Amino acid sequence: NAKNTVDLQMNSLKPDDTAVYYCNARARAHGY
């Protein structure tokens, strides 16, 4: 929270994990 970052550590990756990964910020009525 101090750096405003969100990380995703992905281990044991599989071919099915292949994709474009998107970061999302969601509030009650809107998101980015």
PDB file of all heavy atoms in Angstrom:
ATOM      1  N   ASN A   1       0.809  -1.216   0.000  1.00  0.00           N
ATOM      2  CA  ASN A   1       0.000   0.000   0.000  1.00  0.00           C
ATOM      3  C   ASN A   1       0.846   1.272   0.000  1.00  0.00           C
ATOM      4  O   ASN A   1       0.408   2.309  -0.487  1.00  0.00           O
ATOM      5  CB  ASN A   1      -0.943   0.001   1.196  1.00  0.00           C
ATOM      6  CG  ASN A   1      -2.041  -1.036   1.053  1.00  0.00           C
ATOM      7  OD1 ASN A   1      -2.398  -1.414  -0.059  1.00  0.00           O
ATOM      8  ND2 ASN A   1      -2.571  -1.509   2.164  1.00  0.00           N
ATOM      9  N   ALA A   2       2.035   1.193   0.530  1.00  0.00           N
ATOM     10  CA  ALA A   2       2.902   2.365   0.538  1.00  0.00           C
ATOM     11  C   ALA A   2       3.388   2.707  -0.869  1.00  0.00           C
ATOM     12  O   ALA A   2       3.624   3.874  -1.181  1.00  0.00           O
ATOM     13  CB  ALA A   2       4.085   2.131   1.461  1.00  0.00           C
ATOM     14  N   LYS A   3       3.519   1.689  -1.701  1.00  0.00           N
ATOM     15  CA  LYS A   3       4.013   1.895  -3.067  1.00  0.00           C
ATOM     16  C   LYS A   3       2.899   1.852  -4.104  1.00  0.00           C
ATOM     17  O   LYS A   3       3.162   2.044  -5.293  1.00  0.00           O
ATOM     18  CB  LYS A   3       5.065   0.838  -3.404  1.00  0.00           C
ATOM     19  CG  LYS A   3       6.318   0.911  -2.549  1.00  0.00           C
ATOM     20  CD  LYS A   3       7.309  -0.154  -2.969  1.00  0.00           C
ATOM     21  CE  LYS A   3       8.576  -0.090  -2.118  1.00  0.00           C
ATOM     22  NZ  LYS A   3       9.563  -1.137  -2.505  1.00  0.00           N
ATOM     23  N   ASN A   4       1.665   1.575  -3.676  1.00  0.00           N
ATOM     24  CA  ASN A   4       0.539   1.446  -4.602  1.00  0.00           C
ATOM     25  C   ASN A   4       0.799   0.376  -5.659  1.00  0.00           C
ATOM     26  O   ASN A   4       0.559   0.590  -6.855  1.00  0.00           O
ATOM     27  CB  ASN A   4       0.226   2.783  -5.285  1.00  0.00           C
ATOM     28  CG  ASN A   4      -0.679   3.656  -4.440  1.00  0.00           C
ATOM     29  OD1 ASN A   4      -0.826   3.433  -3.246  1.00  0.00           O
ATOM     30  ND2 ASN A   4      -1.287   4.648  -5.062  1.00  0.00           N
ATOM     31  N   THR A   5       1.300  -0.761  -5.220  1.00  0.00           N
ATOM     32  CA  THR A   5       1.550  -1.847  -6.147  1.00  0.00           C
ATOM     33  C   THR A   5       0.795  -3.110  -5.723  1.00  0.00           C
ATOM     34  O   THR A   5       0.557  -3.340  -4.530  1.00  0.00           O
ATOM     35  CB  THR A   5       3.041  -2.191  -6.233  1.00  0.00           C
ATOM     36  OG1 THR A   5       3.524  -2.540  -4.931  1.00  0.00           O
ATOM     37  CG2 THR A   5       3.846  -1.015  -6.772  1.00  0.00           C
ATOM     38  N   VAL A   6       0.426  -3.885  -6.722  1.00  0.00           N
ATOM     39  CA  VAL A   6      -0.162  -5.200  -6.485  1.00  0.00           C
ATOM     40  C   VAL A   6       0.604  -6.189  -7.345  1.00  0.00           C
ATOM     41  O   VAL A   6       0.781  -5.974  -8.548  1.00  0.00           O
ATOM     42  CB  VAL A   6      -1.677  -5.225  -6.780  1.00  0.00           C
ATOM     43  CG1 VAL A   6      -2.005  -4.707  -8.169  1.00  0.00           C
ATOM     44  CG2 VAL A   6      -2.243  -6.618  -6.569  1.00  0.00           C
ATOM     45  N   ASP A   7       1.094  -7.233  -6.735  1.00  0.00           N
ATOM     46  CA  ASP A   7       1.910  -8.230  -7.409  1.00  0.00           C
ATOM     47  C   ASP A   7       1.176  -9.559  -7.508  1.00  0.00           C
ATOM     48  O   ASP A   7       0.304  -9.866  -6.685  1.00  0.00           O
ATOM     49  CB  ASP A   7       3.223  -8.442  -6.660  1.00  0.00           C
ATOM     50  CG  ASP A   7       4.151  -7.250  -6.747  1.00  0.00           C
ATOM     51  OD1 ASP A   7       3.856  -6.312  -7.530  1.00  0.00           O
ATOM     52  OD2 ASP A   7       5.159  -7.232  -6.028  1.00  0.00           O
ATOM     53  N   LEU A   8       1.573 -10.336  -8.492  1.00  0.00           N
ATOM     54  CA  LEU A   8       1.055 -11.692  -8.641  1.00  0.00           C
ATOM     55  C   LEU A   8       2.246 -12.618  -8.837  1.00  0.00           C
ATOM     56  O   LEU A   8       2.886 -12.581  -9.887  1.00  0.00           O
ATOM     57  CB  LEU A   8       0.092 -11.798  -9.823  1.00  0.00           C
ATOM     58  CG  LEU A   8      -0.589 -13.146  -9.984  1.00  0.00           C
ATOM     59  CD1 LEU A   8      -1.595 -13.374  -8.852  1.00  0.00           C
ATOM     60  CD2 LEU A   8      -1.288 -13.245 -11.341  1.00  0.00           C
ATOM     61  N   GLN A   9       2.540 -13.410  -7.825  1.00  0.00           N
ATOM     62  CA  GLN A   9       3.601 -14.410  -7.925  1.00  0.00           C
ATOM     63  C   GLN A   9       2.995 -15.679  -8.493  1.00  0.00           C
ATOM     64  O   GLN A   9       2.056 -16.232  -7.920  1.00  0.00           O
ATOM     65  CB  GLN A   9       4.208 -14.677  -6.547  1.00  0.00           C
ATOM     66  CG  GLN A   9       5.279 -15.750  -6.542  1.00  0.00           C
ATOM     67  CD  GLN A   9       6.510 -15.357  -7.332  1.00  0.00           C
ATOM     68  OE1 GLN A   9       6.972 -14.222  -7.249  1.00  0.00           O
ATOM     69  NE2 GLN A   9       7.027 -16.288  -8.115  1.00  0.00           N
ATOM     70  N   MET A  10       3.532 -16.120  -9.614  1.00  0.00           N
ATOM     71  CA  MET A  10       2.991 -17.284 -10.302  1.00  0.00           C
ATOM     72  C   MET A  10       4.038 -18.383 -10.328  1.00  0.00           C
ATOM     73  O   MET A  10       5.107 -18.218 -10.929  1.00  0.00           O
ATOM     74  CB  MET A  10       2.578 -16.909 -11.729  1.00  0.00           C
ATOM     75  CG  MET A  10       1.620 -15.729 -11.789  1.00  0.00           C
ATOM     76  SD  MET A  10       1.011 -15.399 -13.459  1.00  0.00           S
ATOM     77  CE  MET A  10       2.529 -14.881 -14.256  1.00  0.00           C
ATOM     78  N   ASN A  11       3.749 -19.489  -9.672  1.00  0.00           N
ATOM     79  CA  ASN A  11       4.648 -20.637  -9.620  1.00  0.00           C
ATOM     80  C   ASN A  11       4.015 -21.841 -10.314  1.00  0.00           C
ATOM     81  O   ASN A  11       2.807 -21.866 -10.557  1.00  0.00           O
ATOM     82  CB  ASN A  11       4.962 -20.988  -8.164  1.00  0.00           C
ATOM     83  CG  ASN A  11       5.651 -19.870  -7.417  1.00  0.00           C
ATOM     84  OD1 ASN A  11       6.435 -19.112  -7.994  1.00  0.00           O
ATOM     85  ND2 ASN A  11       5.378 -19.761  -6.129  1.00  0.00           N
ATOM     86  N   SER A  12       4.837 -22.811 -10.605  1.00  0.00           N
ATOM     87  CA  SER A  12       4.361 -24.048 -11.249  1.00  0.00           C
ATOM     88  C   SER A  12       3.486 -23.735 -12.457  1.00  0.00           C
ATOM     89  O   SER A  12       2.391 -24.284 -12.620  1.00  0.00           O
ATOM     90  CB  SER A  12       3.589 -24.905 -10.242  1.00  0.00           C
ATOM     91  OG  SER A  12       4.379 -25.226  -9.128  1.00  0.00           O
ATOM     92  N   LEU A  13       3.965 -22.864 -13.299  1.00  0.00           N
ATOM     93  CA  LEU A  13       3.162 -22.426 -14.438  1.00  0.00           C
ATOM     94  C   LEU A  13       2.909 -23.552 -15.422  1.00  0.00           C
ATOM     95  O   LEU A  13       3.753 -24.440 -15.620  1.00  0.00           O
ATOM     96  CB  LEU A  13       3.853 -21.256 -15.129  1.00  0.00           C
ATOM     97  CG  LEU A  13       3.688 -19.921 -14.399  1.00  0.00           C
ATOM     98  CD1 LEU A  13       4.758 -18.930 -14.854  1.00  0.00           C
ATOM     99  CD2 LEU A  13       2.307 -19.355 -14.646  1.00  0.00           C
ATOM    100  N   LYS A  14       1.724 -23.491 -16.035  1.00  0.00           N
ATOM    101  CA  LYS A  14       1.290 -24.486 -16.998  1.00  0.00           C
ATOM    102  C   LYS A  14       1.009 -23.800 -18.335  1.00  0.00           C
ATOM    103  O   LYS A  14       0.699 -22.605 -18.371  1.00  0.00           O
ATOM    104  CB  LYS A  14       0.012 -25.151 -16.502  1.00  0.00           C
ATOM    105  CG  LYS A  14       0.098 -25.767 -15.128  1.00  0.00           C
ATOM    106  CD  LYS A  14      -1.265 -26.291 -14.689  1.00  0.00           C
ATOM    107  CE  LYS A  14      -1.214 -26.882 -13.287  1.00  0.00           C
ATOM    108  NZ  LYS A  14      -2.551 -27.374 -12.860  1.00  0.00           N
ATOM    109  N   PRO A  15       1.063 -24.552 -19.436  1.00  0.00           N
ATOM    110  CA  PRO A  15       0.708 -23.942 -20.723  1.00  0.00           C
ATOM    111  C   PRO A  15      -0.683 -23.302 -20.711  1.00  0.00           C
ATOM    112  O   PRO A  15      -0.897 -22.297 -21.396  1.00  0.00           O
ATOM    113  CB  PRO A  15       0.776 -25.135 -21.681  1.00  0.00           C
ATOM    114  CG  PRO A  15       1.822 -26.018 -21.080  1.00  0.00           C
ATOM    115  CD  PRO A  15       1.622 -25.906 -19.593  1.00  0.00           C
ATOM    116  N   ASP A  16      -1.611 -23.856 -19.939  1.00  0.00           N
ATOM    117  CA  ASP A  16      -2.958 -23.280 -19.843  1.00  0.00           C
ATOM    118  C   ASP A  16      -2.980 -21.905 -19.182  1.00  0.00           C
ATOM    119  O   ASP A  16      -3.996 -21.205 -19.243  1.00  0.00           O
ATOM    120  CB  ASP A  16      -3.895 -24.213 -19.072  1.00  0.00           C
ATOM    121  CG  ASP A  16      -4.353 -25.404 -19.904  1.00  0.00           C
ATOM    122  OD1 ASP A  16      -4.105 -25.386 -21.136  1.00  0.00           O
ATOM    123  OD2 ASP A  16      -4.941 -26.332 -19.337  1.00  0.00           O
ATOM    124  N   ASP A  17      -1.893 -21.521 -18.542  1.00  0.00           N
ATOM    125  CA  ASP A  17      -1.804 -20.183 -17.941  1.00  0.00           C
ATOM    126  C   ASP A  17      -1.458 -19.117 -18.968  1.00  0.00           C
ATOM    127  O   ASP A  17      -1.448 -17.919 -18.646  1.00  0.00           O
ATOM    128  CB  ASP A  17      -0.766 -20.167 -16.820  1.00  0.00           C
ATOM    129  CG  ASP A  17      -1.147 -21.055 -15.650  1.00  0.00           C
ATOM    130  OD1 ASP A  17      -2.330 -21.065 -15.262  1.00  0.00           O
ATOM    131  OD2 ASP A  17      -0.253 -21.753 -15.122  1.00  0.00           O
ATOM    132  N   THR A  18      -1.150 -19.526 -20.187  1.00  0.00           N
ATOM    133  CA  THR A  18      -0.819 -18.566 -21.241  1.00  0.00           C
ATOM    134  C   THR A  18      -1.991 -17.635 -21.512  1.00  0.00           C
ATOM    135  O   THR A  18      -3.108 -18.086 -21.783  1.00  0.00           O
ATOM    136  CB  THR A  18      -0.428 -19.303 -22.527  1.00  0.00           C
ATOM    137  OG1 THR A  18       0.778 -20.042 -22.297  1.00  0.00           O
ATOM    138  CG2 THR A  18      -0.226 -18.330 -23.677  1.00  0.00           C
ATOM    139  N   ALA A  19      -1.748 -16.336 -21.413  1.00  0.00           N
ATOM    140  CA  ALA A  19      -2.807 -15.348 -21.590  1.00  0.00           C
ATOM    141  C   ALA A  19      -2.209 -13.952 -21.466  1.00  0.00           C
ATOM    142  O   ALA A  19      -1.042 -13.799 -21.074  1.00  0.00           O
ATOM    143  CB  ALA A  19      -3.898 -15.516 -20.529  1.00  0.00           C
ATOM    144  N   VAL A  20      -3.020 -12.962 -21.784  1.00  0.00           N
ATOM    145  CA  VAL A  20      -2.696 -11.591 -21.423  1.00  0.00           C
ATOM    146  C   VAL A  20      -3.267 -11.345 -20.030  1.00  0.00           C
ATOM    147  O   VAL A  20      -4.454 -11.609 -19.789  1.00  0.00           O
ATOM    148  CB  VAL A  20      -3.277 -10.577 -22.422  1.00  0.00           C
ATOM    149  CG1 VAL A  20      -2.958  -9.143 -21.978  1.00  0.00           C
ATOM    150  CG2 VAL A  20      -2.730 -10.833 -23.817  1.00  0.00           C
ATOM    151  N   TYR A  21      -2.434 -10.880 -19.140  1.00  0.00           N
ATOM    152  CA  TYR A  21      -2.828 -10.644 -17.752  1.00  0.00           C
ATOM    153  C   TYR A  21      -3.067  -9.151 -17.544  1.00  0.00           C
ATOM    154  O   TYR A  21      -2.224  -8.327 -17.902  1.00  0.00           O
ATOM    155  CB  TYR A  21      -1.752 -11.154 -16.803  1.00  0.00           C
ATOM    156  CG  TYR A  21      -1.782 -12.656 -16.661  1.00  0.00           C
ATOM    157  CD1 TYR A  21      -1.397 -13.477 -17.718  1.00  0.00           C
ATOM    158  CD2 TYR A  21      -2.215 -13.270 -15.488  1.00  0.00           C
ATOM    159  CE1 TYR A  21      -1.452 -14.863 -17.614  1.00  0.00           C
ATOM    160  CE2 TYR A  21      -2.263 -14.654 -15.363  1.00  0.00           C
ATOM    161  CZ  TYR A  21      -1.879 -15.440 -16.440  1.00  0.00           C
ATOM    162  OH  TYR A  21      -1.932 -16.808 -16.322  1.00  0.00           O
ATOM    163  N   TYR A  22      -4.206  -8.842 -16.941  1.00  0.00           N
ATOM    164  CA  TYR A  22      -4.613  -7.454 -16.738  1.00  0.00           C
ATOM    165  C   TYR A  22      -4.749  -7.137 -15.251  1.00  0.00           C
ATOM    166  O   TYR A  22      -5.334  -7.918 -14.492  1.00  0.00           O
ATOM    167  CB  TYR A  22      -5.969  -7.186 -17.393  1.00  0.00           C
ATOM    168  CG  TYR A  22      -5.987  -7.331 -18.887  1.00  0.00           C
ATOM    169  CD1 TYR A  22      -6.282  -8.543 -19.498  1.00  0.00           C
ATOM    170  CD2 TYR A  22      -5.711  -6.236 -19.703  1.00  0.00           C
ATOM    171  CE1 TYR A  22      -6.314  -8.671 -20.870  1.00  0.00           C
ATOM    172  CE2 TYR A  22      -5.727  -6.351 -21.082  1.00  0.00           C
ATOM    173  CZ  TYR A  22      -6.026  -7.572 -21.658  1.00  0.00           C
ATOM    174  OH  TYR A  22      -6.047  -7.696 -23.023  1.00  0.00           O
ATOM    175  N   CYS A  23      -4.257  -5.995 -14.879  1.00  0.00           N
ATOM    176  CA  CYS A  23      -4.442  -5.470 -13.537  1.00  0.00           C
ATOM    177  C   CYS A  23      -5.777  -4.720 -13.486  1.00  0.00           C
ATOM    178  O   CYS A  23      -6.158  -4.058 -14.458  1.00  0.00           O
ATOM    179  CB  CYS A  23      -3.290  -4.520 -13.210  1.00  0.00           C
ATOM    180  SG  CYS A  23      -3.355  -3.755 -11.585  1.00  0.00           S
ATOM    181  N   ASN A  24      -6.470  -4.831 -12.368  1.00  0.00           N
ATOM    182  CA  ASN A  24      -7.779  -4.196 -12.218  1.00  0.00           C
ATOM    183  C   ASN A  24      -7.899  -3.558 -10.849  1.00  0.00           C
ATOM    184  O   ASN A  24      -7.462  -4.119  -9.846  1.00  0.00           O
ATOM    185  CB  ASN A  24      -8.872  -5.240 -12.408  1.00  0.00           C
ATOM    186  CG  ASN A  24     -10.257  -4.693 -12.141  1.00  0.00           C
ATOM    187  OD1 ASN A  24     -10.813  -4.851 -11.060  1.00  0.00           O
ATOM    188  ND2 ASN A  24     -10.814  -4.031 -13.138  1.00  0.00           N
ATOM    189  N   ALA A  25      -8.489  -2.381 -10.827  1.00  0.00           N
ATOM    190  CA  ALA A  25      -8.835  -1.699  -9.584  1.00  0.00           C
ATOM    191  C   ALA A  25     -10.348  -1.509  -9.581  1.00  0.00           C
ATOM    192  O   ALA A  25     -10.888  -0.882 -10.498  1.00  0.00           O
ATOM    193  CB  ALA A  25      -8.125  -0.353  -9.483  1.00  0.00           C
ATOM    194  N   ARG A  26     -11.028  -2.047  -8.568  1.00  0.00           N
ATOM    195  CA  ARG A  26     -12.491  -2.039  -8.568  1.00  0.00           C
ATOM    196  C   ARG A  26     -13.032  -1.391  -7.308  1.00  0.00           C
ATOM    197  O   ARG A  26     -12.681  -1.782  -6.196  1.00  0.00           O
ATOM    198  CB  ARG A  26     -13.020  -3.463  -8.696  1.00  0.00           C
ATOM    199  CG  ARG A  26     -14.537  -3.585  -8.639  1.00  0.00           C
ATOM    200  CD  ARG A  26     -14.969  -4.975  -9.081  1.00  0.00           C
ATOM    201  NE  ARG A  26     -14.342  -6.034  -8.326  1.00  0.00           N
ATOM    202  CZ  ARG A  26     -14.827  -6.559  -7.206  1.00  0.00           C
ATOM    203  NH1 ARG A  26     -15.940  -6.060  -6.684  1.00  0.00           N
ATOM    204  NH2 ARG A  26     -14.214  -7.546  -6.584  1.00  0.00           N
ATOM    205  N   ALA A  27     -13.886  -0.396  -7.538  1.00  0.00           N
ATOM    206  CA  ALA A  27     -14.629   0.206  -6.436  1.00  0.00           C
ATOM    207  C   ALA A  27     -16.102  -0.175  -6.618  1.00  0.00           C
ATOM    208  O   ALA A  27     -16.434  -0.945  -7.506  1.00  0.00           O
ATOM    209  CB  ALA A  27     -14.439   1.719  -6.441  1.00  0.00           C
ATOM    210  N   ARG A  28     -16.975   0.383  -5.791  1.00  0.00           N
ATOM    211  CA  ARG A  28     -18.374  -0.050  -5.827  1.00  0.00           C
ATOM    212  C   ARG A  28     -19.022   0.240  -7.174  1.00  0.00           C
ATOM    213  O   ARG A  28     -19.768  -0.587  -7.705  1.00  0.00           O
ATOM    214  CB  ARG A  28     -19.153   0.637  -4.719  1.00  0.00           C
ATOM    215  CG  ARG A  28     -20.608   0.196  -4.628  1.00  0.00           C
ATOM    216  CD  ARG A  28     -21.289   0.810  -3.456  1.00  0.00           C
ATOM    217  NE  ARG A  28     -20.684   0.414  -2.195  1.00  0.00           N
ATOM    218  CZ  ARG A  28     -21.070   0.872  -1.014  1.00  0.00           C
ATOM    219  NH1 ARG A  28     -22.050   1.753  -0.932  1.00  0.00           N
ATOM    220  NH2 ARG A  28     -20.486   0.462   0.087  1.00  0.00           N
ATOM    221  N   ALA A  29     -18.755   1.397  -7.731  1.00  0.00           N
ATOM    222  CA  ALA A  29     -19.488   1.813  -8.931  1.00  0.00           C
ATOM    223  C   ALA A  29     -18.606   1.979 -10.160  1.00  0.00           C
ATOM    224  O   ALA A  29     -19.112   2.334 -11.223  1.00  0.00           O
ATOM    225  CB  ALA A  29     -20.231   3.111  -8.657  1.00  0.00           C
ATOM    226  N   HIS A  30     -17.333   1.741 -10.040  1.00  0.00           N
ATOM    227  CA  HIS A  30     -16.461   1.933 -11.191  1.00  0.00           C
ATOM    228  C   HIS A  30     -15.174   1.136 -11.017  1.00  0.00           C
ATOM    229  O   HIS A  30     -14.907   0.612  -9.935  1.00  0.00           O
ATOM    230  CB  HIS A  30     -16.142   3.431 -11.383  1.00  0.00           C
ATOM    231  CG  HIS A  30     -15.368   4.007 -10.232  1.00  0.00           C
ATOM    232  ND1 HIS A  30     -15.971   4.440  -9.073  1.00  0.00           N
ATOM    233  CD2 HIS A  30     -14.041   4.219 -10.076  1.00  0.00           C
ATOM    234  CE1 HIS A  30     -15.057   4.886  -8.248  1.00  0.00           C
ATOM    235  NE2 HIS A  30     -13.871   4.773  -8.827  1.00  0.00           N
ATOM    236  N   GLY A  31     -14.431   1.076 -12.090  1.00  0.00           N
ATOM    237  CA  GLY A  31     -13.169   0.356 -12.030  1.00  0.00           C
ATOM    238  C   GLY A  31     -12.243   0.793 -13.138  1.00  0.00           C
ATOM    239  O   GLY A  31     -12.643   1.538 -14.050  1.00  0.00           O
ATOM    240  N   TYR A  32     -11.032   0.325 -13.048  1.00  0.00           N
ATOM    241  CA  TYR A  32     -10.013   0.677 -14.033  1.00  0.00           C
ATOM    242  C   TYR A  32      -9.218  -0.566 -14.419  1.00  0.00           C
ATOM    243  O   TYR A  32      -9.064  -1.492 -13.622  1.00  0.00           O
ATOM    244  CB  TYR A  32      -9.060   1.734 -13.445  1.00  0.00           C
ATOM    245  CG  TYR A  32      -9.750   2.986 -12.986  1.00  0.00           C
ATOM    246  CD1 TYR A  32     -10.060   3.176 -11.644  1.00  0.00           C
ATOM    247  CD2 TYR A  32     -10.108   3.983 -13.893  1.00  0.00           C
ATOM    248  CE1 TYR A  32     -10.709   4.317 -11.208  1.00  0.00           C
ATOM    249  CE2 TYR A  32     -10.752   5.139 -13.463  1.00  0.00           C
ATOM    250  CZ  TYR A  32     -11.052   5.287 -12.120  1.00  0.00           C
ATOM    251  OH  TYR A  32     -11.690   6.423 -11.698  1.00  0.00           O
TER     252      TYR A  32
END
